[in-house]
Amino acid sequence: MTEPVNDTIIRQLQRAPVFHGLSESQIRALAGIAEPITYQQGNNIFLEGDPAEGFFLVLSGQVKIYKLSLEGKEQVLHFVGPDEIFAEVPVYSGGSYPAHADALRETKTLFFPRRGMRRLLAGDPNLAMNMLADLSRRLRQLTKLVENLSLKESPARLAAYLLHLSTELRQADEVELDVTKSQLATLLGTTPETLSRTLKKLSESGIIAVQARTIRLLDKKTLERMAEG
């Protein structure tokens, strides 16, 4: 039996960490302005400089957020997966999107128009605080990325990334890469060849164990020292 679309959207919103702690009425208000949009693999979602008309929640699939240099070199800022939001900054600041966004595979999203979202935020301080808390977390991640890319060598960047994944999984000793090694190399500002050599060296040193996309963190203390550069 097919469920009412609104009920489906409500459950999808309840799964997203950014909306945890909201009341049923708040969730229903969000569901009332959400627009389901599906993107196929390779589809561009928006370009840097496009008018910022709203933000997105990923339901399934994966999105790449990235910048392009004048020479066409790509720098990945973030990979966005299920139950994560992206492009939320323009909800507060308006203007244009500050980066590009592409679907890496078929990706189902909910789109929240800026005008409708600002109306909800203006009438609900608790919802606004939830959004600001998530935005603050993302800004800390971006600051850390800039620090890693500008001040640290490739092994330190990789160590910091693996520890970040571990933290996201509540200090798990085993992490699963949700991107290809080529995509991870782009995120870390290195080449696939350098990344492969670094993974091999860490594995041979007994610091990690690699099996396909699964990486076991065998020596977190050493990884922490490496991440500090």
N, C-alpha and C. Protein backbone atom coordinates (compact mmCIF):
# COMPACT_ATOMS: atom_id res chain seq x y z
N MET A 1 0.85 -1.21 0.00
CA MET A 1 0.00 0.00 0.00
C MET A 1 0.88 1.25 0.00
N THR A 2 0.61 2.18 -0.90
CA THR A 2 1.39 3.41 -0.99
C THR A 2 1.01 4.37 0.12
N GLU A 3 2.03 4.90 0.79
CA GLU A 3 1.76 5.81 1.90
C GLU A 3 1.62 7.24 1.38
N PRO A 4 0.89 8.08 2.07
CA PRO A 4 0.80 9.48 1.67
C PRO A 4 2.21 10.09 1.60
N VAL A 5 2.44 10.88 0.58
CA VAL A 5 3.75 11.48 0.39
C VAL A 5 4.20 12.25 1.62
N ASN A 6 3.29 12.98 2.22
CA ASN A 6 3.65 13.81 3.37
C ASN A 6 4.18 12.96 4.53
N ASP A 7 3.55 11.80 4.77
CA ASP A 7 4.01 10.92 5.85
C ASP A 7 5.41 10.38 5.54
N THR A 8 5.66 10.07 4.29
CA THR A 8 6.98 9.59 3.89
C THR A 8 8.02 10.67 4.12
N ILE A 9 7.72 11.88 3.73
CA ILE A 9 8.65 13.00 3.91
C ILE A 9 8.91 13.25 5.39
N ILE A 10 7.87 13.14 6.20
CA ILE A 10 8.03 13.35 7.64
C ILE A 10 9.04 12.37 8.22
N ARG A 11 8.94 11.09 7.85
CA ARG A 11 9.89 10.10 8.36
C ARG A 11 11.31 10.37 7.85
N GLN A 12 11.41 10.83 6.61
CA GLN A 12 12.72 11.16 6.06
C GLN A 12 13.37 12.32 6.82
N LEU A 13 12.57 13.29 7.19
CA LEU A 13 13.09 14.43 7.95
C LEU A 13 13.49 14.01 9.36
N GLN A 14 12.74 13.12 9.95
CA GLN A 14 13.04 12.68 11.32
C GLN A 14 14.37 11.93 11.40
N ARG A 15 14.83 11.34 10.30
CA ARG A 15 16.10 10.62 10.28
C ARG A 15 17.30 11.57 10.25
N ALA A 16 17.11 12.77 9.73
CA ALA A 16 18.23 13.69 9.52
C ALA A 16 18.69 14.30 10.84
N PRO A 17 19.99 14.19 11.18
CA PRO A 17 20.50 14.74 12.45
C PRO A 17 20.19 16.22 12.65
N VAL A 18 20.21 17.00 11.57
CA VAL A 18 19.99 18.44 11.71
C VAL A 18 18.60 18.75 12.25
N PHE A 19 17.65 17.81 12.10
CA PHE A 19 16.29 18.05 12.55
C PHE A 19 15.95 17.28 13.83
N HIS A 20 16.95 16.61 14.41
CA HIS A 20 16.69 15.89 15.66
C HIS A 20 16.27 16.86 16.76
N GLY A 21 15.34 16.45 17.57
CA GLY A 21 14.90 17.30 18.67
C GLY A 21 13.75 18.21 18.32
N LEU A 22 13.36 18.23 17.05
CA LEU A 22 12.22 19.07 16.66
C LEU A 22 10.91 18.37 16.99
N SER A 23 9.90 19.15 17.25
CA SER A 23 8.58 18.59 17.56
C SER A 23 7.91 18.10 16.28
N GLU A 24 6.85 17.34 16.47
CA GLU A 24 6.11 16.84 15.30
C GLU A 24 5.55 17.98 14.47
N SER A 25 5.09 19.03 15.12
CA SER A 25 4.54 20.17 14.37
C SER A 25 5.61 20.87 13.55
N GLN A 26 6.83 20.96 14.11
CA GLN A 26 7.94 21.57 13.37
C GLN A 26 8.32 20.73 12.15
N ILE A 27 8.37 19.41 12.35
CA ILE A 27 8.69 18.50 11.25
C ILE A 27 7.63 18.61 10.16
N ARG A 28 6.38 18.69 10.57
CA ARG A 28 5.29 18.80 9.58
C ARG A 28 5.37 20.11 8.82
N ALA A 29 5.79 21.16 9.51
CA ALA A 29 5.93 22.45 8.83
C ALA A 29 7.04 22.37 7.77
N LEU A 30 8.14 21.69 8.10
CA LEU A 30 9.23 21.51 7.13
C LEU A 30 8.76 20.65 5.95
N ALA A 31 8.02 19.59 6.27
CA ALA A 31 7.52 18.71 5.21
C ALA A 31 6.60 19.47 4.25
N GLY A 32 5.92 20.48 4.80
CA GLY A 32 4.99 21.24 3.98
C GLY A 32 5.64 22.08 2.90
N ILE A 33 6.94 22.41 3.07
CA ILE A 33 7.61 23.22 2.05
C ILE A 33 8.64 22.41 1.25
N ALA A 34 8.88 21.14 1.65
CA ALA A 34 9.90 20.32 0.99
C ALA A 34 9.44 19.85 -0.39
N GLU A 35 10.36 19.90 -1.35
CA GLU A 35 10.06 19.48 -2.72
C GLU A 35 10.99 18.32 -3.12
N PRO A 36 10.46 17.11 -3.36
CA PRO A 36 11.32 15.99 -3.78
C PRO A 36 11.90 16.24 -5.17
N ILE A 37 13.21 16.08 -5.30
CA ILE A 37 13.90 16.20 -6.60
C ILE A 37 14.92 15.07 -6.71
N THR A 38 14.92 14.38 -7.84
CA THR A 38 15.88 13.31 -8.10
C THR A 38 16.85 13.73 -9.19
N TYR A 39 18.15 13.50 -8.94
CA TYR A 39 19.20 13.81 -9.92
C TYR A 39 19.86 12.51 -10.35
N GLN A 40 20.14 12.39 -11.64
CA GLN A 40 20.83 11.22 -12.15
C GLN A 40 22.35 11.39 -12.01
N GLN A 41 23.07 10.29 -12.08
CA GLN A 41 24.53 10.33 -11.97
C GLN A 41 25.11 11.31 -12.98
N GLY A 42 25.96 12.20 -12.48
CA GLY A 42 26.61 13.18 -13.35
C GLY A 42 25.84 14.48 -13.50
N ASN A 43 24.59 14.52 -13.04
CA ASN A 43 23.81 15.75 -13.14
C ASN A 43 24.42 16.85 -12.28
N ASN A 44 24.45 18.06 -12.82
CA ASN A 44 24.83 19.22 -12.01
C ASN A 44 23.61 19.71 -11.25
N ILE A 45 23.78 19.95 -9.95
CA ILE A 45 22.68 20.43 -9.12
C ILE A 45 22.64 21.95 -9.12
N PHE A 46 23.82 22.55 -8.97
CA PHE A 46 23.95 23.99 -9.17
C PHE A 46 25.42 24.32 -9.44
N LEU A 47 25.63 25.48 -10.04
CA LEU A 47 26.97 25.97 -10.34
C LEU A 47 27.34 27.09 -9.37
N GLU A 48 28.62 27.24 -9.12
CA GLU A 48 29.06 28.38 -8.33
C GLU A 48 28.59 29.66 -9.00
N GLY A 49 27.97 30.52 -8.23
CA GLY A 49 27.47 31.78 -8.78
C GLY A 49 26.00 31.76 -9.14
N ASP A 50 25.39 30.56 -9.19
CA ASP A 50 23.95 30.50 -9.45
C ASP A 50 23.19 31.14 -8.28
N PRO A 51 22.05 31.76 -8.56
CA PRO A 51 21.26 32.33 -7.46
C PRO A 51 20.90 31.25 -6.44
N ALA A 52 21.13 31.56 -5.17
CA ALA A 52 20.87 30.59 -4.10
C ALA A 52 19.39 30.60 -3.76
N GLU A 53 18.68 29.61 -4.24
CA GLU A 53 17.23 29.59 -4.08
C GLU A 53 16.76 28.70 -2.94
N GLY A 54 17.69 27.96 -2.30
CA GLY A 54 17.31 27.09 -1.20
C GLY A 54 18.40 26.07 -0.90
N PHE A 55 18.10 25.14 0.01
CA PHE A 55 19.09 24.11 0.35
C PHE A 55 18.47 22.73 0.19
N PHE A 56 19.30 21.70 0.34
CA PHE A 56 18.90 20.33 0.02
C PHE A 56 19.19 19.38 1.18
N LEU A 57 18.35 18.36 1.30
CA LEU A 57 18.60 17.21 2.17
C LEU A 57 18.74 15.99 1.27
N VAL A 58 19.85 15.26 1.41
CA VAL A 58 20.06 14.05 0.62
C VAL A 58 19.33 12.88 1.28
N LEU A 59 18.48 12.22 0.51
CA LEU A 59 17.76 11.04 1.00
C LEU A 59 18.51 9.76 0.64
N SER A 60 19.05 9.72 -0.56
CA SER A 60 19.87 8.59 -1.00
C SER A 60 20.81 9.08 -2.08
N GLY A 61 21.91 8.34 -2.27
CA GLY A 61 22.89 8.77 -3.26
C GLY A 61 24.02 9.56 -2.62
N GLN A 62 24.69 10.37 -3.43
CA GLN A 62 25.84 11.13 -2.94
C GLN A 62 26.08 12.35 -3.82
N VAL A 63 26.47 13.45 -3.17
CA VAL A 63 26.71 14.72 -3.85
C VAL A 63 28.13 15.18 -3.58
N LYS A 64 28.77 15.70 -4.62
CA LYS A 64 30.12 16.26 -4.49
C LYS A 64 30.02 17.78 -4.52
N ILE A 65 30.55 18.42 -3.49
CA ILE A 65 30.65 19.88 -3.43
C ILE A 65 32.09 20.26 -3.74
N TYR A 66 32.31 21.14 -4.71
CA TYR A 66 33.68 21.41 -5.12
C TYR A 66 33.84 22.81 -5.71
N LYS A 67 35.10 23.23 -5.77
CA LYS A 67 35.47 24.50 -6.40
C LYS A 67 36.35 24.19 -7.60
N LEU A 68 36.39 25.12 -8.56
CA LEU A 68 37.28 25.00 -9.71
C LEU A 68 38.18 26.21 -9.77
N SER A 69 39.49 25.97 -9.98
CA SER A 69 40.43 27.08 -10.14
C SER A 69 40.29 27.65 -11.55
N LEU A 70 40.95 28.76 -11.81
CA LEU A 70 40.93 29.37 -13.14
C LEU A 70 41.51 28.43 -14.18
N GLU A 71 42.42 27.54 -13.73
CA GLU A 71 43.04 26.59 -14.65
C GLU A 71 42.19 25.33 -14.81
N GLY A 72 41.06 25.26 -14.09
CA GLY A 72 40.19 24.10 -14.20
C GLY A 72 40.50 23.00 -13.21
N LYS A 73 41.43 23.25 -12.26
CA LYS A 73 41.75 22.24 -11.26
C LYS A 73 40.62 22.16 -10.25
N GLU A 74 40.23 20.94 -9.92
CA GLU A 74 39.11 20.72 -9.01
C GLU A 74 39.59 20.49 -7.58
N GLN A 75 38.95 21.16 -6.64
CA GLN A 75 39.20 20.91 -5.22
C GLN A 75 37.89 20.56 -4.55
N VAL A 76 37.79 19.31 -4.11
CA VAL A 76 36.57 18.86 -3.44
C VAL A 76 36.53 19.44 -2.03
N LEU A 77 35.40 19.99 -1.65
CA LEU A 77 35.21 20.53 -0.31
C LEU A 77 34.51 19.54 0.60
N HIS A 78 33.62 18.75 0.01
CA HIS A 78 32.82 17.85 0.86
C HIS A 78 32.07 16.85 -0.01
N PHE A 79 31.92 15.64 0.49
CA PHE A 79 31.01 14.66 -0.10
C PHE A 79 29.81 14.55 0.83
N VAL A 80 28.63 14.70 0.28
CA VAL A 80 27.41 14.71 1.09
C VAL A 80 26.64 13.42 0.84
N GLY A 81 26.31 12.72 1.92
CA GLY A 81 25.59 11.46 1.82
C GLY A 81 24.20 11.53 2.41
N PRO A 82 23.53 10.39 2.51
CA PRO A 82 22.15 10.34 3.02
C PRO A 82 22.00 10.97 4.41
N ASP A 83 20.91 11.69 4.57
CA ASP A 83 20.52 12.34 5.82
C ASP A 83 21.36 13.56 6.15
N GLU A 84 22.15 14.05 5.18
CA GLU A 84 22.93 15.28 5.37
C GLU A 84 22.34 16.38 4.50
N ILE A 85 22.51 17.62 4.95
CA ILE A 85 22.05 18.76 4.17
C ILE A 85 23.25 19.45 3.53
N PHE A 86 22.97 20.21 2.47
CA PHE A 86 24.02 21.03 1.86
C PHE A 86 23.40 22.28 1.25
N ALA A 87 24.27 23.28 1.05
CA ALA A 87 23.87 24.58 0.49
C ALA A 87 22.95 25.35 1.43
N GLU A 88 23.12 25.13 2.75
CA GLU A 88 22.24 25.80 3.70
C GLU A 88 22.66 27.23 4.01
N VAL A 89 23.93 27.58 3.76
CA VAL A 89 24.40 28.93 4.08
C VAL A 89 23.54 30.02 3.43
N PRO A 90 23.19 29.88 2.14
CA PRO A 90 22.39 30.94 1.51
C PRO A 90 21.03 31.17 2.14
N VAL A 91 20.54 30.21 2.94
CA VAL A 91 19.26 30.44 3.63
C VAL A 91 19.38 31.68 4.50
N TYR A 92 20.55 31.88 5.09
CA TYR A 92 20.77 33.03 5.97
C TYR A 92 21.31 34.24 5.22
N SER A 93 22.23 33.99 4.28
CA SER A 93 22.94 35.11 3.66
C SER A 93 22.38 35.54 2.32
N GLY A 94 21.62 34.66 1.65
CA GLY A 94 21.12 34.99 0.32
C GLY A 94 22.27 34.97 -0.68
N GLY A 95 22.14 35.72 -1.74
CA GLY A 95 23.20 35.80 -2.73
C GLY A 95 23.25 34.57 -3.62
N SER A 96 24.47 34.06 -3.86
CA SER A 96 24.65 32.96 -4.80
C SER A 96 25.32 31.77 -4.13
N TYR A 97 25.25 30.62 -4.79
CA TYR A 97 25.93 29.43 -4.26
C TYR A 97 27.44 29.61 -4.38
N PRO A 98 28.19 29.31 -3.32
CA PRO A 98 29.64 29.58 -3.31
C PRO A 98 30.48 28.47 -3.93
N ALA A 99 29.87 27.38 -4.42
CA ALA A 99 30.62 26.27 -5.00
C ALA A 99 29.71 25.52 -5.97
N HIS A 100 30.28 24.51 -6.63
CA HIS A 100 29.52 23.65 -7.53
C HIS A 100 29.01 22.42 -6.76
N ALA A 101 27.95 21.81 -7.26
CA ALA A 101 27.43 20.57 -6.68
C ALA A 101 26.98 19.64 -7.79
N ASP A 102 27.51 18.40 -7.77
CA ASP A 102 27.15 17.38 -8.76
C ASP A 102 26.68 16.11 -8.05
N ALA A 103 25.77 15.38 -8.69
CA ALA A 103 25.35 14.07 -8.19
C ALA A 103 26.34 13.02 -8.67
N LEU A 104 26.93 12.27 -7.73
CA LEU A 104 27.90 11.24 -8.09
C LEU A 104 27.23 9.94 -8.51
N ARG A 105 25.98 9.76 -8.14
CA ARG A 105 25.17 8.61 -8.55
C ARG A 105 23.72 9.09 -8.49
N GLU A 106 22.77 8.23 -8.82
CA GLU A 106 21.39 8.67 -8.70
C GLU A 106 21.15 9.14 -7.27
N THR A 107 20.68 10.36 -7.15
CA THR A 107 20.55 10.98 -5.83
C THR A 107 19.15 11.57 -5.65
N LYS A 108 18.48 11.11 -4.60
CA LYS A 108 17.17 11.65 -4.27
C LYS A 108 17.33 12.69 -3.17
N THR A 109 16.71 13.83 -3.35
CA THR A 109 16.83 14.93 -2.40
C THR A 109 15.47 15.51 -2.05
N LEU A 110 15.47 16.28 -0.96
CA LEU A 110 14.36 17.18 -0.66
C LEU A 110 14.92 18.59 -0.76
N PHE A 111 14.24 19.43 -1.52
CA PHE A 111 14.67 20.82 -1.69
C PHE A 111 13.79 21.72 -0.83
N PHE A 112 14.44 22.63 -0.07
CA PHE A 112 13.74 23.56 0.80
C PHE A 112 13.94 24.98 0.26
N PRO A 113 12.91 25.56 -0.35
CA PRO A 113 13.04 26.91 -0.92
C PRO A 113 13.41 27.93 0.15
N ARG A 114 14.29 28.83 -0.20
CA ARG A 114 14.80 29.83 0.75
C ARG A 114 13.67 30.68 1.34
N ARG A 115 12.75 31.11 0.50
CA ARG A 115 11.69 31.99 0.99
C ARG A 115 10.82 31.29 2.04
N GLY A 116 10.42 30.04 1.75
CA GLY A 116 9.60 29.30 2.70
C GLY A 116 10.36 28.97 3.98
N MET A 117 11.67 28.65 3.84
CA MET A 117 12.48 28.31 5.00
C MET A 117 12.67 29.52 5.90
N ARG A 118 12.93 30.67 5.31
CA ARG A 118 13.12 31.88 6.13
C ARG A 118 11.84 32.24 6.88
N ARG A 119 10.71 31.97 6.27
CA ARG A 119 9.44 32.24 6.95
C ARG A 119 9.30 31.34 8.18
N LEU A 120 9.67 30.06 8.03
CA LEU A 120 9.60 29.14 9.17
C LEU A 120 10.59 29.54 10.26
N LEU A 121 11.82 29.88 9.86
CA LEU A 121 12.84 30.24 10.84
C LEU A 121 12.46 31.50 11.61
N ALA A 122 11.86 32.46 10.92
CA ALA A 122 11.48 33.71 11.58
C ALA A 122 10.44 33.47 12.68
N GLY A 123 9.61 32.45 12.50
CA GLY A 123 8.57 32.20 13.48
C GLY A 123 8.90 31.11 14.47
N ASP A 124 10.12 30.53 14.37
CA ASP A 124 10.46 29.40 15.23
C ASP A 124 11.95 29.44 15.60
N PRO A 125 12.31 30.10 16.70
CA PRO A 125 13.71 30.21 17.13
C PRO A 125 14.40 28.86 17.35
N ASN A 126 13.65 27.85 17.82
CA ASN A 126 14.24 26.54 18.08
C ASN A 126 14.73 25.90 16.79
N LEU A 127 13.95 26.03 15.74
CA LEU A 127 14.35 25.50 14.44
C LEU A 127 15.58 26.25 13.93
N ALA A 128 15.59 27.56 14.12
CA ALA A 128 16.74 28.36 13.70
C ALA A 128 18.01 27.93 14.44
N MET A 129 17.91 27.65 15.73
CA MET A 129 19.07 27.24 16.51
C MET A 129 19.60 25.89 16.03
N ASN A 130 18.72 24.96 15.70
CA ASN A 130 19.15 23.67 15.16
C ASN A 130 19.94 23.84 13.88
N MET A 131 19.44 24.69 13.00
CA MET A 131 20.11 24.93 11.72
C MET A 131 21.46 25.60 11.93
N LEU A 132 21.51 26.56 12.84
CA LEU A 132 22.77 27.26 13.11
C LEU A 132 23.81 26.34 13.73
N ALA A 133 23.37 25.41 14.58
CA ALA A 133 24.30 24.46 15.19
C ALA A 133 24.93 23.57 14.13
N ASP A 134 24.13 23.10 13.18
CA ASP A 134 24.67 22.27 12.11
C ASP A 134 25.60 23.08 11.21
N LEU A 135 25.22 24.32 10.94
CA LEU A 135 26.06 25.18 10.12
C LEU A 135 27.40 25.43 10.79
N SER A 136 27.39 25.64 12.10
CA SER A 136 28.63 25.85 12.85
C SER A 136 29.54 24.63 12.75
N ARG A 137 28.95 23.43 12.84
CA ARG A 137 29.74 22.20 12.73
C ARG A 137 30.40 22.11 11.37
N ARG A 138 29.66 22.46 10.33
CA ARG A 138 30.20 22.38 8.97
C ARG A 138 31.32 23.40 8.76
N LEU A 139 31.16 24.58 9.34
CA LEU A 139 32.20 25.60 9.20
C LEU A 139 33.49 25.16 9.88
N ARG A 140 33.37 24.47 11.03
CA ARG A 140 34.56 23.93 11.70
C ARG A 140 35.24 22.90 10.81
N GLN A 141 34.46 22.05 10.14
CA GLN A 141 35.03 21.05 9.24
C GLN A 141 35.76 21.72 8.08
N LEU A 142 35.15 22.77 7.52
CA LEU A 142 35.78 23.47 6.40
C LEU A 142 37.07 24.15 6.83
N THR A 143 37.06 24.74 8.02
CA THR A 143 38.28 25.38 8.55
C THR A 143 39.39 24.36 8.71
N LYS A 144 39.03 23.17 9.19
CA LYS A 144 40.01 22.11 9.37
C LYS A 144 40.55 21.64 8.03
N LEU A 145 39.68 21.56 7.02
CA LEU A 145 40.11 21.15 5.69
C LEU A 145 41.12 22.14 5.12
N VAL A 146 40.82 23.43 5.25
CA VAL A 146 41.75 24.46 4.76
C VAL A 146 43.09 24.35 5.47
N GLU A 147 43.05 24.13 6.78
CA GLU A 147 44.29 23.97 7.55
C GLU A 147 45.08 22.76 7.05
N ASN A 148 44.40 21.64 6.85
CA ASN A 148 45.08 20.42 6.40
C ASN A 148 45.72 20.61 5.03
N LEU A 149 44.98 21.24 4.11
CA LEU A 149 45.48 21.40 2.75
C LEU A 149 46.64 22.37 2.66
N SER A 150 46.64 23.38 3.52
CA SER A 150 47.66 24.42 3.42
C SER A 150 48.88 24.16 4.28
N LEU A 151 48.73 23.42 5.38
CA LEU A 151 49.83 23.30 6.33
C LEU A 151 50.39 21.88 6.48
N LYS A 152 49.68 20.87 6.02
CA LYS A 152 50.10 19.51 6.31
C LYS A 152 50.45 18.73 5.04
N GLU A 153 51.33 17.77 5.21
CA GLU A 153 51.70 16.88 4.11
C GLU A 153 50.63 15.81 3.93
N SER A 154 50.73 15.08 2.81
CA SER A 154 49.72 14.09 2.46
C SER A 154 49.44 13.06 3.56
N PRO A 155 50.45 12.45 4.22
CA PRO A 155 50.15 11.47 5.27
C PRO A 155 49.36 12.06 6.43
N ALA A 156 49.66 13.31 6.78
CA ALA A 156 48.94 13.96 7.89
C ALA A 156 47.49 14.23 7.50
N ARG A 157 47.26 14.61 6.25
CA ARG A 157 45.89 14.84 5.79
C ARG A 157 45.08 13.56 5.84
N LEU A 158 45.69 12.46 5.38
CA LEU A 158 45.00 11.18 5.39
C LEU A 158 44.70 10.73 6.82
N ALA A 159 45.67 10.87 7.71
CA ALA A 159 45.47 10.48 9.11
C ALA A 159 44.32 11.27 9.72
N ALA A 160 44.30 12.58 9.46
CA ALA A 160 43.23 13.43 10.00
C ALA A 160 41.87 13.01 9.46
N TYR A 161 41.82 12.64 8.18
CA TYR A 161 40.55 12.24 7.57
C TYR A 161 40.04 10.93 8.17
N LEU A 162 40.94 9.96 8.36
CA LEU A 162 40.54 8.67 8.93
C LEU A 162 40.05 8.85 10.37
N LEU A 163 40.71 9.70 11.13
CA LEU A 163 40.27 9.96 12.50
C LEU A 163 38.93 10.68 12.52
N HIS A 164 38.71 11.56 11.54
CA HIS A 164 37.42 12.25 11.42
C HIS A 164 36.30 11.24 11.17
N LEU A 165 36.54 10.28 10.26
CA LEU A 165 35.53 9.24 10.00
C LEU A 165 35.27 8.42 11.26
N SER A 166 36.33 8.12 12.00
CA SER A 166 36.19 7.35 13.23
C SER A 166 35.33 8.10 14.25
N THR A 167 35.55 9.40 14.35
CA THR A 167 34.77 10.24 15.27
C THR A 167 33.30 10.27 14.87
N GLU A 168 33.05 10.38 13.56
CA GLU A 168 31.67 10.39 13.07
C GLU A 168 30.96 9.09 13.42
N LEU A 169 31.72 8.00 13.52
CA LEU A 169 31.15 6.69 13.86
C LEU A 169 31.33 6.37 15.33
N ARG A 170 31.43 7.41 16.16
CA ARG A 170 31.56 7.26 17.61
C ARG A 170 32.82 6.48 18.00
N GLN A 171 33.94 6.94 17.45
CA GLN A 171 35.26 6.39 17.79
C GLN A 171 35.42 4.93 17.34
N ALA A 172 34.80 4.57 16.23
CA ALA A 172 34.93 3.20 15.71
C ALA A 172 36.37 2.93 15.28
N ASP A 173 36.79 1.68 15.42
CA ASP A 173 38.14 1.28 15.00
C ASP A 173 38.17 0.81 13.55
N GLU A 174 37.01 0.81 12.92
CA GLU A 174 36.92 0.40 11.52
C GLU A 174 36.03 1.38 10.78
N VAL A 175 36.52 1.90 9.66
CA VAL A 175 35.75 2.89 8.89
C VAL A 175 35.58 2.39 7.46
N GLU A 176 34.52 2.85 6.85
CA GLU A 176 34.21 2.47 5.47
C GLU A 176 34.27 3.72 4.61
N LEU A 177 35.12 3.70 3.59
CA LEU A 177 35.19 4.83 2.67
C LEU A 177 33.93 4.85 1.81
N ASP A 178 33.21 5.97 1.80
CA ASP A 178 32.01 6.06 0.99
C ASP A 178 32.28 6.75 -0.34
N VAL A 179 33.57 6.92 -0.66
CA VAL A 179 33.98 7.50 -1.93
C VAL A 179 35.09 6.62 -2.50
N THR A 180 35.36 6.76 -3.80
CA THR A 180 36.46 6.02 -4.40
C THR A 180 37.79 6.63 -3.94
N LYS A 181 38.87 5.88 -4.11
CA LYS A 181 40.18 6.40 -3.71
C LYS A 181 40.57 7.61 -4.55
N SER A 182 40.13 7.62 -5.80
CA SER A 182 40.39 8.78 -6.66
C SER A 182 39.67 10.02 -6.12
N GLN A 183 38.42 9.85 -5.69
CA GLN A 183 37.66 10.98 -5.13
C GLN A 183 38.27 11.43 -3.80
N LEU A 184 38.72 10.46 -3.00
CA LEU A 184 39.34 10.80 -1.72
C LEU A 184 40.63 11.58 -1.95
N ALA A 185 41.39 11.20 -2.96
CA ALA A 185 42.63 11.92 -3.28
C ALA A 185 42.32 13.38 -3.62
N THR A 186 41.24 13.60 -4.37
CA THR A 186 40.85 14.97 -4.71
C THR A 186 40.46 15.75 -3.47
N LEU A 187 39.73 15.10 -2.58
CA LEU A 187 39.33 15.76 -1.33
C LEU A 187 40.54 16.16 -0.49
N LEU A 188 41.57 15.29 -0.47
CA LEU A 188 42.76 15.54 0.34
C LEU A 188 43.80 16.39 -0.38
N GLY A 189 43.51 16.79 -1.60
CA GLY A 189 44.43 17.66 -2.33
C GLY A 189 45.71 16.96 -2.75
N THR A 190 45.60 15.68 -3.13
CA THR A 190 46.76 14.93 -3.56
C THR A 190 46.39 14.13 -4.81
N THR A 191 47.28 13.24 -5.26
CA THR A 191 47.01 12.42 -6.43
C THR A 191 46.65 11.00 -5.99
N PRO A 192 45.92 10.26 -6.83
CA PRO A 192 45.60 8.87 -6.48
C PRO A 192 46.86 8.04 -6.23
N GLU A 193 47.93 8.30 -6.99
CA GLU A 193 49.16 7.53 -6.82
C GLU A 193 49.79 7.80 -5.46
N THR A 194 49.82 9.07 -5.06
CA THR A 194 50.39 9.43 -3.75
C THR A 194 49.54 8.84 -2.63
N LEU A 195 48.23 8.88 -2.79
CA LEU A 195 47.33 8.32 -1.78
C LEU A 195 47.57 6.82 -1.64
N SER A 196 47.68 6.12 -2.76
CA SER A 196 47.91 4.67 -2.72
C SER A 196 49.22 4.34 -2.02
N ARG A 197 50.27 5.13 -2.31
CA ARG A 197 51.56 4.89 -1.66
C ARG A 197 51.46 5.14 -0.15
N THR A 198 50.72 6.17 0.23
CA THR A 198 50.57 6.49 1.65
C THR A 198 49.80 5.39 2.38
N LEU A 199 48.72 4.92 1.77
CA LEU A 199 47.93 3.83 2.36
C LEU A 199 48.79 2.57 2.51
N LYS A 200 49.60 2.29 1.49
CA LYS A 200 50.46 1.10 1.53
C LYS A 200 51.49 1.22 2.64
N LYS A 201 52.09 2.41 2.77
CA LYS A 201 53.10 2.63 3.80
C LYS A 201 52.51 2.48 5.20
N LEU A 202 51.32 3.07 5.42
CA LEU A 202 50.66 2.96 6.73
C LEU A 202 50.28 1.51 7.03
N SER A 203 49.87 0.80 5.99
CA SER A 203 49.50 -0.60 6.17
C SER A 203 50.72 -1.45 6.51
N GLU A 204 51.82 -1.24 5.81
CA GLU A 204 53.04 -2.00 6.06
C GLU A 204 53.62 -1.69 7.44
N SER A 205 53.34 -0.49 7.94
CA SER A 205 53.83 -0.10 9.27
C SER A 205 52.93 -0.60 10.39
N GLY A 206 51.82 -1.25 10.03
CA GLY A 206 50.92 -1.78 11.04
C GLY A 206 50.03 -0.73 11.69
N ILE A 207 49.92 0.44 11.05
CA ILE A 207 49.10 1.51 11.61
C ILE A 207 47.63 1.34 11.20
N ILE A 208 47.43 0.85 9.98
CA ILE A 208 46.08 0.57 9.49
C ILE A 208 46.10 -0.76 8.75
N ALA A 209 44.93 -1.29 8.48
CA ALA A 209 44.78 -2.48 7.63
C ALA A 209 43.71 -2.15 6.60
N VAL A 210 44.03 -2.36 5.33
CA VAL A 210 43.13 -1.96 4.25
C VAL A 210 42.60 -3.19 3.51
N GLN A 211 41.29 -3.26 3.36
CA GLN A 211 40.65 -4.29 2.56
C GLN A 211 39.54 -3.64 1.76
N ALA A 212 39.83 -3.44 0.46
CA ALA A 212 38.90 -2.71 -0.42
C ALA A 212 38.64 -1.32 0.18
N ARG A 213 37.36 -1.00 0.51
CA ARG A 213 37.06 0.32 1.06
C ARG A 213 36.99 0.32 2.59
N THR A 214 37.25 -0.83 3.19
CA THR A 214 37.22 -0.92 4.65
C THR A 214 38.63 -0.72 5.21
N ILE A 215 38.77 0.19 6.16
CA ILE A 215 40.07 0.47 6.77
C ILE A 215 39.96 0.32 8.28
N ARG A 216 40.77 -0.57 8.83
CA ARG A 216 40.83 -0.76 10.27
C ARG A 216 41.94 0.12 10.84
N LEU A 217 41.62 0.86 11.88
CA LEU A 217 42.59 1.74 12.52
C LEU A 217 43.25 0.96 13.65
N LEU A 218 44.45 0.46 13.39
CA LEU A 218 45.13 -0.42 14.34
C LEU A 218 45.92 0.35 15.39
N ASP A 219 46.35 1.55 15.04
CA ASP A 219 47.18 2.34 15.96
C ASP A 219 46.74 3.80 15.90
N LYS A 220 45.67 4.11 16.66
CA LYS A 220 45.13 5.47 16.63
C LYS A 220 46.09 6.50 17.21
N LYS A 221 46.89 6.09 18.19
CA LYS A 221 47.84 7.03 18.80
C LYS A 221 48.81 7.56 17.75
N THR A 222 49.32 6.67 16.92
CA THR A 222 50.23 7.10 15.87
C THR A 222 49.52 7.96 14.84
N LEU A 223 48.29 7.59 14.50
CA LEU A 223 47.51 8.40 13.57
C LEU A 223 47.29 9.81 14.12
N GLU A 224 47.03 9.91 15.42
CA GLU A 224 46.82 11.22 16.05
C GLU A 224 48.09 12.05 15.97
N ARG A 225 49.25 11.44 16.19
CA ARG A 225 50.51 12.17 16.09
C ARG A 225 50.75 12.61 14.64
N MET A 226 50.43 11.76 13.70
CA MET A 226 50.59 12.11 12.29
C MET A 226 49.66 13.26 11.91
N ALA A 227 48.41 13.20 12.38
CA ALA A 227 47.43 14.23 12.05
C ALA A 227 47.84 15.60 12.57
N GLU A 228 48.61 15.62 13.65
CA GLU A 228 49.10 16.90 14.20
C GLU A 228 50.27 17.44 13.40
N GLY A 229 50.74 16.63 12.43
CA GLY A 229 51.81 17.10 11.55
C GLY A 229 53.18 17.00 12.16
